[in-house]
Amino acid sequence: MPFISNGTTILDNGAFSVSLGNQILISEQTASASASISFTSGIDSTYPIYRFEYINCHPATNDIGFQVNFSTDGGSNYNVTKTTTAFYAQHRENDTTVFTYYSAVDQAQGTGFQFLTGGTGNGNDESLSGYLLLFNPSSTTFVKHFMTNTQEYNAAPSSNNYYMAGYGNTTSAINAVRFQMSSGNIDSGTIKLYGIKDS
């Protein structure tokens, strides 16, 4: 008996099929003791949603945050005004837990880099991974909404999962995005940029 989702047969007589055809890889960059990773092309009106996936980003410096900012001038300045909100869950290796609003990193009309994590460790096996969604960055009518979910091996040591969202308070098109650590280099890691089609 086939399993059908949204008119598409996904499972039939033991065969399995799934399509990620709506998510198109635009570019990817790999860090190697990099001060930052910037995407200055490929963000335009082609797609309504852009997705950045950062994979095993390892900081050179211990207990520092991973950050992002946006540009409307092709990457000359990363200083888009933002209002953001954030919370996180933490489970330490000693079995203590935290679930809290993260007021230390939210912004109210701030132009600085936005923290996506709190304090990633720089041990050989420590890193962070996650994604950022940027909605309709080429609009000249609406502000630019974005949201992230990031998992890190925190220096505590602990598993920390961060949710951060907000909007770039600009009606200018966002056409460049930069990622960096709050101090020191991105020692290693990969960031991929995807465009997501309407259908």
Foldseek 3Di string as FASTA:
>chain_A
DFDDDPRRTADDPHDGDDDPVQKAFDDKDKDAQAQKDKDLADQAQPFQKKKKKWFFFAFPDFFWFKWKFFDLPSPPDGFFFKFKWKWKWKAAPVGDIDTDTDVVFGDDRGRDTGTQDGTWGRPPPWGKIWMKMWGRQQALPDWIKMKIWMWTCGPVRIIMIMIMIITRPHSRHTRMMMMGIPDGGRNIIMMIMIGGHPD
